[in-house]
Amino acid sequence: MKQFLIKYRFTTGTKEDWHREIARFIANLDSDPVLKGRISYRCMKNAKDSDYYHLARAADDQAPKDLQQRDWFKDYTEKTKLVAGGEVEVLPLEIIAETSQPA
């Protein structure tokens, strides 16, 4: 299972508009017939500043490749770069240890 952390500082636009874009992206993930259930995505914001953190988890190696073929993903990626002033960091993550999943 591949996992990624996307992090940036929000610099451009309104947070309300950006939050709607994030919600739209997640709705696209949830409704896409090929990707539904194969990609988990969560966006969080530091409560004390304008730093954003997105956690993405792919159930299989093909899921990120399928995602990258979607026009709405390409659009969202460009908008992310725009609101971040061009500075977006994408970090592949490895799990070392974890608790069991909640029921």
PDB file of N, CA and C in Angstrom:
ATOM      1  N   MET A   1       0.843  -1.166   0.000  1.00  0.00           N
ATOM      2  CA  MET A   1       0.000   0.000   0.000  1.00  0.00           C
ATOM      3  C   MET A   1       0.897   1.242   0.000  1.00  0.00           C
ATOM      4  N   LYS A   2       0.732   2.080  -1.005  1.00  0.00           N
ATOM      5  CA  LYS A   2       1.522   3.305  -1.105  1.00  0.00           C
ATOM      6  C   LYS A   2       0.826   4.438  -0.361  1.00  0.00           C
ATOM      7  N   GLN A   3       1.648   5.243   0.333  1.00  0.00           N
ATOM      8  CA  GLN A   3       1.122   6.394   1.062  1.00  0.00           C
ATOM      9  C   GLN A   3       1.983   7.607   0.765  1.00  0.00           C
ATOM     10  N   PHE A   4       1.314   8.754   0.728  1.00  0.00           N
ATOM     11  CA  PHE A   4       2.004  10.003   0.433  1.00  0.00           C
ATOM     12  C   PHE A   4       1.517  11.095   1.368  1.00  0.00           C
ATOM     13  N   LEU A   5       2.430  11.989   1.717  1.00  0.00           N
ATOM     14  CA  LEU A   5       2.092  13.199   2.444  1.00  0.00           C
ATOM     15  C   LEU A   5       2.360  14.359   1.495  1.00  0.00           C
ATOM     16  N   ILE A   6       1.346  15.189   1.271  1.00  0.00           N
ATOM     17  CA  ILE A   6       1.479  16.383   0.453  1.00  0.00           C
ATOM     18  C   ILE A   6       1.400  17.556   1.421  1.00  0.00           C
ATOM     19  N   LYS A   7       2.390  18.423   1.392  1.00  0.00           N
ATOM     20  CA  LYS A   7       2.367  19.538   2.330  1.00  0.00           C
ATOM     21  C   LYS A   7       2.756  20.833   1.635  1.00  0.00           C
ATOM     22  N   TYR A   8       2.150  21.923   2.113  1.00  0.00           N
ATOM     23  CA  TYR A   8       2.396  23.241   1.554  1.00  0.00           C
ATOM     24  C   TYR A   8       1.827  24.290   2.496  1.00  0.00           C
ATOM     25  N   ARG A   9       2.155  25.526   2.224  1.00  0.00           N
ATOM     26  CA  ARG A   9       1.592  26.661   2.957  1.00  0.00           C
ATOM     27  C   ARG A   9       0.652  27.394   2.007  1.00  0.00           C
ATOM     28  N   PHE A  10      -0.582  27.602   2.450  1.00  0.00           N
ATOM     29  CA  PHE A  10      -1.588  28.310   1.662  1.00  0.00           C
ATOM     30  C   PHE A  10      -1.183  29.780   1.559  1.00  0.00           C
ATOM     31  N   THR A  11      -1.083  30.294   0.306  1.00  0.00           N
ATOM     32  CA  THR A  11      -0.624  31.668   0.122  1.00  0.00           C
ATOM     33  C   THR A  11      -1.534  32.519  -0.754  1.00  0.00           C
ATOM     34  N   THR A  12      -2.374  31.904  -1.583  1.00  0.00           N
ATOM     35  CA  THR A  12      -3.118  32.651  -2.589  1.00  0.00           C
ATOM     36  C   THR A  12      -4.578  32.226  -2.632  1.00  0.00           C
ATOM     37  N   GLY A  13      -5.492  33.197  -2.687  1.00  0.00           N
ATOM     38  CA  GLY A  13      -6.917  32.894  -2.794  1.00  0.00           C
ATOM     39  C   GLY A  13      -7.601  32.941  -1.447  1.00  0.00           C
ATOM     40  N   THR A  14      -8.846  32.457  -1.423  1.00  0.00           N
ATOM     41  CA  THR A  14      -9.570  32.396  -0.151  1.00  0.00           C
ATOM     42  C   THR A  14      -9.613  30.954   0.324  1.00  0.00           C
ATOM     43  N   LYS A  15      -9.534  30.788   1.613  1.00  0.00           N
ATOM     44  CA  LYS A  15      -9.563  29.441   2.175  1.00  0.00           C
ATOM     45  C   LYS A  15     -10.901  28.775   1.920  1.00  0.00           C
ATOM     46  N   GLU A  16     -11.981  29.535   1.916  1.00  0.00           N
ATOM     47  CA  GLU A  16     -13.308  28.950   1.652  1.00  0.00           C
ATOM     48  C   GLU A  16     -13.361  28.353   0.244  1.00  0.00           C
ATOM     49  N   ASP A  17     -12.854  29.084  -0.746  1.00  0.00           N
ATOM     50  CA  ASP A  17     -12.828  28.554  -2.116  1.00  0.00           C
ATOM     51  C   ASP A  17     -11.933  27.323  -2.203  1.00  0.00           C
ATOM     52  N   TRP A  18     -10.797  27.373  -1.522  1.00  0.00           N
ATOM     53  CA  TRP A  18      -9.874  26.234  -1.575  1.00  0.00           C
ATOM     54  C   TRP A  18     -10.486  25.006  -0.905  1.00  0.00           C
ATOM     55  N   HIS A  19     -11.168  25.199   0.190  1.00  0.00           N
ATOM     56  CA  HIS A  19     -11.794  24.063   0.875  1.00  0.00           C
ATOM     57  C   HIS A  19     -12.878  23.434   0.000  1.00  0.00           C
ATOM     58  N   ARG A  20     -13.579  24.252  -0.775  1.00  0.00           N
ATOM     59  CA  ARG A  20     -14.565  23.704  -1.725  1.00  0.00           C
ATOM     60  C   ARG A  20     -13.873  22.876  -2.809  1.00  0.00           C
ATOM     61  N   GLU A  21     -12.708  23.330  -3.271  1.00  0.00           N
ATOM     62  CA  GLU A  21     -11.950  22.568  -4.278  1.00  0.00           C
ATOM     63  C   GLU A  21     -11.496  21.221  -3.714  1.00  0.00           C
ATOM     64  N   ILE A  22     -11.051  21.225  -2.478  1.00  0.00           N
ATOM     65  CA  ILE A  22     -10.622  19.976  -1.841  1.00  0.00           C
ATOM     66  C   ILE A  22     -11.810  19.027  -1.732  1.00  0.00           C
ATOM     67  N   ALA A  23     -12.951  19.538  -1.295  1.00  0.00           N
ATOM     68  CA  ALA A  23     -14.155  18.711  -1.163  1.00  0.00           C
ATOM     69  C   ALA A  23     -14.576  18.153  -2.528  1.00  0.00           C
ATOM     70  N   ARG A  24     -14.454  18.969  -3.572  1.00  0.00           N
ATOM     71  CA  ARG A  24     -14.808  18.519  -4.924  1.00  0.00           C
ATOM     72  C   ARG A  24     -13.873  17.388  -5.372  1.00  0.00           C
ATOM     73  N   PHE A  25     -12.577  17.535  -5.075  1.00  0.00           N
ATOM     74  CA  PHE A  25     -11.607  16.500  -5.423  1.00  0.00           C
ATOM     75  C   PHE A  25     -11.947  15.185  -4.718  1.00  0.00           C
ATOM     76  N   ILE A  26     -12.243  15.271  -3.438  1.00  0.00           N
ATOM     77  CA  ILE A  26     -12.580  14.061  -2.676  1.00  0.00           C
ATOM     78  C   ILE A  26     -13.871  13.440  -3.206  1.00  0.00           C
ATOM     79  N   ALA A  27     -14.843  14.263  -3.569  1.00  0.00           N
ATOM     80  CA  ALA A  27     -16.083  13.742  -4.161  1.00  0.00           C
ATOM     81  C   ALA A  27     -15.791  13.018  -5.472  1.00  0.00           C
ATOM     82  N   ASN A  28     -14.855  13.547  -6.266  1.00  0.00           N
ATOM     83  CA  ASN A  28     -14.468  12.870  -7.506  1.00  0.00           C
ATOM     84  C   ASN A  28     -13.832  11.513  -7.214  1.00  0.00           C
ATOM     85  N   LEU A  29     -12.978  11.455  -6.198  1.00  0.00           N
ATOM     86  CA  LEU A  29     -12.379  10.166  -5.815  1.00  0.00           C
ATOM     87  C   LEU A  29     -13.452   9.163  -5.402  1.00  0.00           C
ATOM     88  N   ASP A  30     -14.405   9.637  -4.612  1.00  0.00           N
ATOM     89  CA  ASP A  30     -15.455   8.752  -4.100  1.00  0.00           C
ATOM     90  C   ASP A  30     -16.442   8.303  -5.171  1.00  0.00           C
ATOM     91  N   SER A  31     -16.577   9.069  -6.243  1.00  0.00           N
ATOM     92  CA  SER A  31     -17.582   8.734  -7.252  1.00  0.00           C
ATOM     93  C   SER A  31     -17.000   8.115  -8.519  1.00  0.00           C
ATOM     94  N   ASP A  32     -15.689   8.145  -8.665  1.00  0.00           N
ATOM     95  CA  ASP A  32     -15.078   7.575  -9.869  1.00  0.00           C
ATOM     96  C   ASP A  32     -15.231   6.053  -9.852  1.00  0.00           C
ATOM     97  N   PRO A  33     -15.815   5.471 -10.903  1.00  0.00           N
ATOM     98  CA  PRO A  33     -16.069   4.018 -10.889  1.00  0.00           C
ATOM     99  C   PRO A  33     -14.802   3.165 -10.835  1.00  0.00           C
ATOM    100  N   VAL A  34     -13.689   3.677 -11.321  1.00  0.00           N
ATOM    101  CA  VAL A  34     -12.433   2.914 -11.308  1.00  0.00           C
ATOM    102  C   VAL A  34     -11.679   3.103  -9.997  1.00  0.00           C
ATOM    103  N   LEU A  35     -11.738   4.296  -9.428  1.00  0.00           N
ATOM    104  CA  LEU A  35     -10.929   4.617  -8.243  1.00  0.00           C
ATOM    105  C   LEU A  35     -11.645   4.439  -6.915  1.00  0.00           C
ATOM    106  N   LYS A  36     -12.971   4.406  -6.936  1.00  0.00           N
ATOM    107  CA  LYS A  36     -13.746   4.329  -5.696  1.00  0.00           C
ATOM    108  C   LYS A  36     -13.268   3.165  -4.824  1.00  0.00           C
ATOM    109  N   GLY A  37     -12.907   3.490  -3.591  1.00  0.00           N
ATOM    110  CA  GLY A  37     -12.455   2.471  -2.648  1.00  0.00           C
ATOM    111  C   GLY A  37     -10.999   2.084  -2.790  1.00  0.00           C
ATOM    112  N   ARG A  38     -10.312   2.634  -3.775  1.00  0.00           N
ATOM    113  CA  ARG A  38      -8.901   2.274  -3.992  1.00  0.00           C
ATOM    114  C   ARG A  38      -7.945   3.359  -3.533  1.00  0.00           C
ATOM    115  N   ILE A  39      -8.455   4.578  -3.315  1.00  0.00           N
ATOM    116  CA  ILE A  39      -7.613   5.673  -2.838  1.00  0.00           C
ATOM    117  C   ILE A  39      -8.300   6.334  -1.651  1.00  0.00           C
ATOM    118  N   SER A  40      -7.578   6.407  -0.552  1.00  0.00           N
ATOM    119  CA  SER A  40      -8.044   7.116   0.633  1.00  0.00           C
ATOM    120  C   SER A  40      -7.334   8.466   0.646  1.00  0.00           C
ATOM    121  N   TYR A  41      -8.085   9.525   0.960  1.00  0.00           N
ATOM    122  CA  TYR A  41      -7.512  10.868   0.908  1.00  0.00           C
ATOM    123  C   TYR A  41      -8.060  11.690   2.059  1.00  0.00           C
ATOM    124  N   ARG A  42      -7.183  12.352   2.744  1.00  0.00           N
ATOM    125  CA  ARG A  42      -7.577  13.179   3.885  1.00  0.00           C
ATOM    126  C   ARG A  42      -6.775  14.479   3.838  1.00  0.00           C
ATOM    127  N   CYS A  43      -7.463  15.592   4.045  1.00  0.00           N
ATOM    128  CA  CYS A  43      -6.796  16.893   4.099  1.00  0.00           C
ATOM    129  C   CYS A  43      -6.954  17.457   5.501  1.00  0.00           C
ATOM    130  N   MET A  44      -5.849  17.979   6.036  1.00  0.00           N
ATOM    131  CA  MET A  44      -5.850  18.600   7.349  1.00  0.00           C
ATOM    132  C   MET A  44      -5.086  19.908   7.279  1.00  0.00           C
ATOM    133  N   LYS A  45      -5.415  20.809   8.190  1.00  0.00           N
ATOM    134  CA  LYS A  45      -4.760  22.105   8.266  1.00  0.00           C
ATOM    135  C   LYS A  45      -4.265  22.315   9.686  1.00  0.00           C
ATOM    136  N   ASN A  46      -3.086  22.871   9.810  1.00  0.00           N
ATOM    137  CA  ASN A  46      -2.585  23.247  11.114  1.00  0.00           C
ATOM    138  C   ASN A  46      -3.493  24.353  11.652  1.00  0.00           C
ATOM    139  N   ALA A  47      -4.033  24.170  12.835  1.00  0.00           N
ATOM    140  CA  ALA A  47      -4.965  25.138  13.411  1.00  0.00           C
ATOM    141  C   ALA A  47      -4.296  26.474  13.743  1.00  0.00           C
ATOM    142  N   LYS A  48      -2.979  26.493  13.803  1.00  0.00           N
ATOM    143  CA  LYS A  48      -2.269  27.702  14.224  1.00  0.00           C
ATOM    144  C   LYS A  48      -1.705  28.529  13.071  1.00  0.00           C
ATOM    145  N   ASP A  49      -1.721  27.991  11.844  1.00  0.00           N
ATOM    146  CA  ASP A  49      -1.165  28.752  10.717  1.00  0.00           C
ATOM    147  C   ASP A  49      -1.825  28.316   9.413  1.00  0.00           C
ATOM    148  N   SER A  50      -1.163  28.527   8.309  1.00  0.00           N
ATOM    149  CA  SER A  50      -1.729  28.224   6.988  1.00  0.00           C
ATOM    150  C   SER A  50      -1.086  27.007   6.350  1.00  0.00           C
ATOM    151  N   ASP A  51      -0.508  26.117   7.156  1.00  0.00           N
ATOM    152  CA  ASP A  51       0.095  24.895   6.629  1.00  0.00           C
ATOM    153  C   ASP A  51      -0.981  23.830   6.431  1.00  0.00           C
ATOM    154  N   TYR A  52      -0.942  23.197   5.265  1.00  0.00           N
ATOM    155  CA  TYR A  52      -1.895  22.137   4.920  1.00  0.00           C
ATOM    156  C   TYR A  52      -1.142  20.838   4.733  1.00  0.00           C
ATOM    157  N   TYR A  53      -1.817  19.747   5.105  1.00  0.00           N
ATOM    158  CA  TYR A  53      -1.262  18.410   4.987  1.00  0.00           C
ATOM    159  C   TYR A  53      -2.333  17.502   4.394  1.00  0.00           C
ATOM    160  N   HIS A  54      -1.990  16.829   3.319  1.00  0.00           N
ATOM    161  CA  HIS A  54      -2.907  15.889   2.688  1.00  0.00           C
ATOM    162  C   HIS A  54      -2.269  14.509   2.788  1.00  0.00           C
ATOM    163  N   LEU A  55      -3.030  13.544   3.260  1.00  0.00           N
ATOM    164  CA  LEU A  55      -2.563  12.160   3.316  1.00  0.00           C
ATOM    165  C   LEU A  55      -3.319  11.363   2.263  1.00  0.00           C
ATOM    166  N   ALA A  56      -2.575  10.731   1.393  1.00  0.00           N
ATOM    167  CA  ALA A  56      -3.168   9.906   0.348  1.00  0.00           C
ATOM    168  C   ALA A  56      -2.640   8.482   0.497  1.00  0.00           C
ATOM    169  N   ARG A  57      -3.546   7.518   0.361  1.00  0.00           N
ATOM    170  CA  ARG A  57      -3.165   6.111   0.471  1.00  0.00           C
ATOM    171  C   ARG A  57      -3.803   5.349  -0.677  1.00  0.00           C
ATOM    172  N   ALA A  58      -2.988   4.628  -1.412  1.00  0.00           N
ATOM    173  CA  ALA A  58      -3.467   3.836  -2.541  1.00  0.00           C
ATOM    174  C   ALA A  58      -3.487   2.367  -2.158  1.00  0.00           C
ATOM    175  N   ALA A  59      -4.567   1.688  -2.492  1.00  0.00           N
ATOM    176  CA  ALA A  59      -4.733   0.284  -2.131  1.00  0.00           C
ATOM    177  C   ALA A  59      -3.855  -0.640  -2.976  1.00  0.00           C
ATOM    178  N   ASP A  60      -3.455  -0.171  -4.166  1.00  0.00           N
ATOM    179  CA  ASP A  60      -2.630  -0.999  -5.053  1.00  0.00           C
ATOM    180  C   ASP A  60      -1.750  -0.089  -5.902  1.00  0.00           C
ATOM    181  N   ASP A  61      -0.764  -0.666  -6.556  1.00  0.00           N
ATOM    182  CA  ASP A  61       0.189   0.117  -7.337  1.00  0.00           C
ATOM    183  C   ASP A  61      -0.442   0.786  -8.555  1.00  0.00           C
ATOM    184  N   GLN A  62      -1.522   0.235  -9.069  1.00  0.00           N
ATOM    185  CA  GLN A  62      -2.157   0.780 -10.260  1.00  0.00           C
ATOM    186  C   GLN A  62      -3.019   2.008  -9.947  1.00  0.00           C
ATOM    187  N   ALA A  63      -3.530   2.120  -8.734  1.00  0.00           N
ATOM    188  CA  ALA A  63      -4.449   3.212  -8.386  1.00  0.00           C
ATOM    189  C   ALA A  63      -3.852   4.602  -8.645  1.00  0.00           C
ATOM    190  N   PRO A  64      -2.609   4.897  -8.221  1.00  0.00           N
ATOM    191  CA  PRO A  64      -2.054   6.223  -8.519  1.00  0.00           C
ATOM    192  C   PRO A  64      -1.927   6.468 -10.027  1.00  0.00           C
ATOM    193  N   LYS A  65      -1.607   5.445 -10.772  1.00  0.00           N
ATOM    194  CA  LYS A  65      -1.494   5.580 -12.225  1.00  0.00           C
ATOM    195  C   LYS A  65      -2.858   5.888 -12.838  1.00  0.00           C
ATOM    196  N   ASP A  66      -3.891   5.209 -12.351  1.00  0.00           N
ATOM    197  CA  ASP A  66      -5.241   5.488 -12.841  1.00  0.00           C
ATOM    198  C   ASP A  66      -5.652   6.910 -12.476  1.00  0.00           C
ATOM    199  N   LEU A  67      -5.318   7.346 -11.269  1.00  0.00           N
ATOM    200  CA  LEU A  67      -5.652   8.693 -10.828  1.00  0.00           C
ATOM    201  C   LEU A  67      -4.986   9.737 -11.719  1.00  0.00           C
ATOM    202  N   GLN A  68      -3.733   9.529 -12.049  1.00  0.00           N
ATOM    203  CA  GLN A  68      -2.992  10.508 -12.841  1.00  0.00           C
ATOM    204  C   GLN A  68      -3.565  10.680 -14.246  1.00  0.00           C
ATOM    205  N   GLN A  69      -4.399   9.761 -14.690  1.00  0.00           N
ATOM    206  CA  GLN A  69      -5.024   9.861 -16.010  1.00  0.00           C
ATOM    207  C   GLN A  69      -6.275  10.735 -16.000  1.00  0.00           C
ATOM    208  N   ARG A  70      -6.767  11.093 -14.839  1.00  0.00           N
ATOM    209  CA  ARG A  70      -8.002  11.869 -14.734  1.00  0.00           C
ATOM    210  C   ARG A  70      -7.723  13.351 -14.934  1.00  0.00           C
ATOM    211  N   ASP A  71      -8.524  14.000 -15.784  1.00  0.00           N
ATOM    212  CA  ASP A  71      -8.377  15.443 -16.001  1.00  0.00           C
ATOM    213  C   ASP A  71      -8.617  16.221 -14.719  1.00  0.00           C
ATOM    214  N   TRP A  72      -9.574  15.778 -13.904  1.00  0.00           N
ATOM    215  CA  TRP A  72      -9.863  16.493 -12.666  1.00  0.00           C
ATOM    216  C   TRP A  72      -8.706  16.405 -11.673  1.00  0.00           C
ATOM    217  N   PHE A  73      -7.903  15.339 -11.757  1.00  0.00           N
ATOM    218  CA  PHE A  73      -6.710  15.250 -10.913  1.00  0.00           C
ATOM    219  C   PHE A  73      -5.662  16.259 -11.383  1.00  0.00           C
ATOM    220  N   LYS A  74      -5.465  16.339 -12.684  1.00  0.00           N
ATOM    221  CA  LYS A  74      -4.497  17.286 -13.239  1.00  0.00           C
ATOM    222  C   LYS A  74      -4.885  18.713 -12.872  1.00  0.00           C
ATOM    223  N   ASP A  75      -6.167  19.023 -12.954  1.00  0.00           N
ATOM    224  CA  ASP A  75      -6.668  20.354 -12.598  1.00  0.00           C
ATOM    225  C   ASP A  75      -6.422  20.648 -11.117  1.00  0.00           C
ATOM    226  N   TYR A  76      -6.720  19.675 -10.266  1.00  0.00           N
ATOM    227  CA  TYR A  76      -6.532  19.836  -8.814  1.00  0.00           C
ATOM    228  C   TYR A  76      -5.055  20.029  -8.470  1.00  0.00           C
ATOM    229  N   THR A  77      -4.189  19.291  -9.133  1.00  0.00           N
ATOM    230  CA  THR A  77      -2.750  19.421  -8.901  1.00  0.00           C
ATOM    231  C   THR A  77      -2.276  20.825  -9.252  1.00  0.00           C
ATOM    232  N   GLU A  78      -2.746  21.352 -10.364  1.00  0.00           N
ATOM    233  CA  GLU A  78      -2.368  22.707 -10.768  1.00  0.00           C
ATOM    234  C   GLU A  78      -2.906  23.747  -9.785  1.00  0.00           C
ATOM    235  N   LYS A  79      -4.136  23.560  -9.331  1.00  0.00           N
ATOM    236  CA  LYS A  79      -4.714  24.492  -8.360  1.00  0.00           C
ATOM    237  C   LYS A  79      -3.968  24.435  -7.029  1.00  0.00           C
ATOM    238  N   THR A  80      -3.518  23.246  -6.646  1.00  0.00           N
ATOM    239  CA  THR A  80      -2.739  23.105  -5.410  1.00  0.00           C
ATOM    240  C   THR A  80      -1.456  23.910  -5.515  1.00  0.00           C
ATOM    241  N   LYS A  81      -0.769  23.785  -6.649  1.00  0.00           N
ATOM    242  CA  LYS A  81       0.461  24.565  -6.856  1.00  0.00           C
ATOM    243  C   LYS A  81       0.169  26.061  -6.797  1.00  0.00           C
ATOM    244  N   LEU A  82      -0.950  26.468  -7.371  1.00  0.00           N
ATOM    245  CA  LEU A  82      -1.308  27.880  -7.396  1.00  0.00           C
ATOM    246  C   LEU A  82      -1.539  28.423  -5.990  1.00  0.00           C
ATOM    247  N   VAL A  83      -2.366  27.741  -5.183  1.00  0.00           N
ATOM    248  CA  VAL A  83      -2.653  28.257  -3.837  1.00  0.00           C
ATOM    249  C   VAL A  83      -1.423  28.196  -2.931  1.00  0.00           C
ATOM    250  N   ALA A  84      -0.471  27.336  -3.274  1.00  0.00           N
ATOM    251  CA  ALA A  84       0.743  27.189  -2.474  1.00  0.00           C
ATOM    252  C   ALA A  84       1.875  28.083  -2.974  1.00  0.00           C
ATOM    253  N   GLY A  85       1.591  28.920  -3.955  1.00  0.00           N
ATOM    254  CA  GLY A  85       2.656  29.763  -4.482  1.00  0.00           C
ATOM    255  C   GLY A  85       3.743  28.971  -5.167  1.00  0.00           C
ATOM    256  N   GLY A  86       3.392  27.797  -5.690  1.00  0.00           N
ATOM    257  CA  GLY A  86       4.345  26.969  -6.426  1.00  0.00           C
ATOM    258  C   GLY A  86       5.176  26.029  -5.576  1.00  0.00           C
ATOM    259  N   GLU A  87       5.012  26.079  -4.260  1.00  0.00           N
ATOM    260  CA  GLU A  87       5.841  25.264  -3.366  1.00  0.00           C
ATOM    261  C   GLU A  87       5.027  24.155  -2.718  1.00  0.00           C
ATOM    262  N   VAL A  88       4.988  22.998  -3.363  1.00  0.00           N
ATOM    263  CA  VAL A  88       4.275  21.833  -2.846  1.00  0.00           C
ATOM    264  C   VAL A  88       5.277  20.695  -2.701  1.00  0.00           C
ATOM    265  N   GLU A  89       5.263  20.059  -1.556  1.00  0.00           N
ATOM    266  CA  GLU A  89       6.166  18.931  -1.314  1.00  0.00           C
ATOM    267  C   GLU A  89       5.342  17.657  -1.233  1.00  0.00           C
ATOM    268  N   VAL A  90       5.732  16.648  -2.014  1.00  0.00           N
ATOM    269  CA  VAL A  90       5.069  15.344  -2.002  1.00  0.00           C
ATOM    270  C   VAL A  90       6.088  14.329  -1.503  1.00  0.00           C
ATOM    271  N   LEU A  91       5.756  13.715  -0.359  1.00  0.00           N
ATOM    272  CA  LEU A  91       6.684  12.775   0.278  1.00  0.00           C
ATOM    273  C   LEU A  91       6.098  11.369   0.293  1.00  0.00           C
ATOM    274  N   PRO A  92       6.764  10.399  -0.321  1.00  0.00           N
ATOM    275  CA  PRO A  92       6.314   9.013  -0.170  1.00  0.00           C
ATOM    276  C   PRO A  92       6.627   8.558   1.253  1.00  0.00           C
ATOM    277  N   LEU A  93       5.690   7.863   1.862  1.00  0.00           N
ATOM    278  CA  LEU A  93       5.851   7.429   3.248  1.00  0.00           C
ATOM    279  C   LEU A  93       5.947   5.918   3.339  1.00  0.00           C
ATOM    280  N   GLU A  94       6.697   5.447   4.309  1.00  0.00           N
ATOM    281  CA  GLU A  94       6.783   4.030   4.645  1.00  0.00           C
ATOM    282  C   GLU A  94       6.264   3.853   6.056  1.00  0.00           C
ATOM    283  N   ILE A  95       5.404   2.870   6.276  1.00  0.00           N
ATOM    284  CA  ILE A  95       4.932   2.579   7.618  1.00  0.00           C
ATOM    285  C   ILE A  95       5.964   1.703   8.317  1.00  0.00           C
ATOM    286  N   ILE A  96       6.326   2.125   9.481  1.00  0.00           N
ATOM    287  CA  ILE A  96       7.283   1.355  10.308  1.00  0.00           C
ATOM    288  C   ILE A  96       6.495   0.465  11.269  1.00  0.00           C
ATOM    289  N   ALA A  97       5.496   1.029  11.910  1.00  0.00           N
ATOM    290  CA  ALA A  97       4.624   0.290  12.837  1.00  0.00           C
ATOM    291  C   ALA A  97       3.338   1.082  12.981  1.00  0.00           C
ATOM    292  N   GLU A  98       2.263   0.397  13.344  1.00  0.00           N
ATOM    293  CA  GLU A  98       0.982   1.083  13.521  1.00  0.00           C
ATOM    294  C   GLU A  98       0.063   0.264  14.415  1.00  0.00           C
ATOM    295  N   THR A  99      -0.942   0.940  14.949  1.00  0.00           N
ATOM    296  CA  THR A  99      -1.967   0.254  15.736  1.00  0.00           C
ATOM    297  C   THR A  99      -2.890  -0.497  14.793  1.00  0.00           C
ATOM    298  N   SER A 100      -3.720  -1.347  15.335  1.00  0.00           N
ATOM    299  CA  SER A 100      -4.722  -2.009  14.506  1.00  0.00           C
ATOM    300  C   SER A 100      -5.760  -0.970  14.077  1.00  0.00           C
ATOM    301  N   GLN A 101      -6.443  -1.231  12.973  1.00  0.00           N
ATOM    302  CA  GLN A 101      -7.419  -0.294  12.442  1.00  0.00           C
ATOM    303  C   GLN A 101      -8.673  -0.308  13.313  1.00  0.00           C
ATOM    304  N   PRO A 102      -9.266   0.868  13.552  1.00  0.00           N
ATOM    305  CA  PRO A 102     -10.509   0.904  14.348  1.00  0.00           C
ATOM    306  C   PRO A 102     -11.643   0.202  13.612  1.00  0.00           C
ATOM    307  N   ALA A 103     -12.553  -0.324  14.351  1.00  0.00           N
ATOM    308  CA  ALA A 103     -13.662  -1.072  13.747  1.00  0.00           C
ATOM    309  C   ALA A 103     -14.660  -0.151  13.088  1.00  0.00           C
TER     310      ALA A 103
END
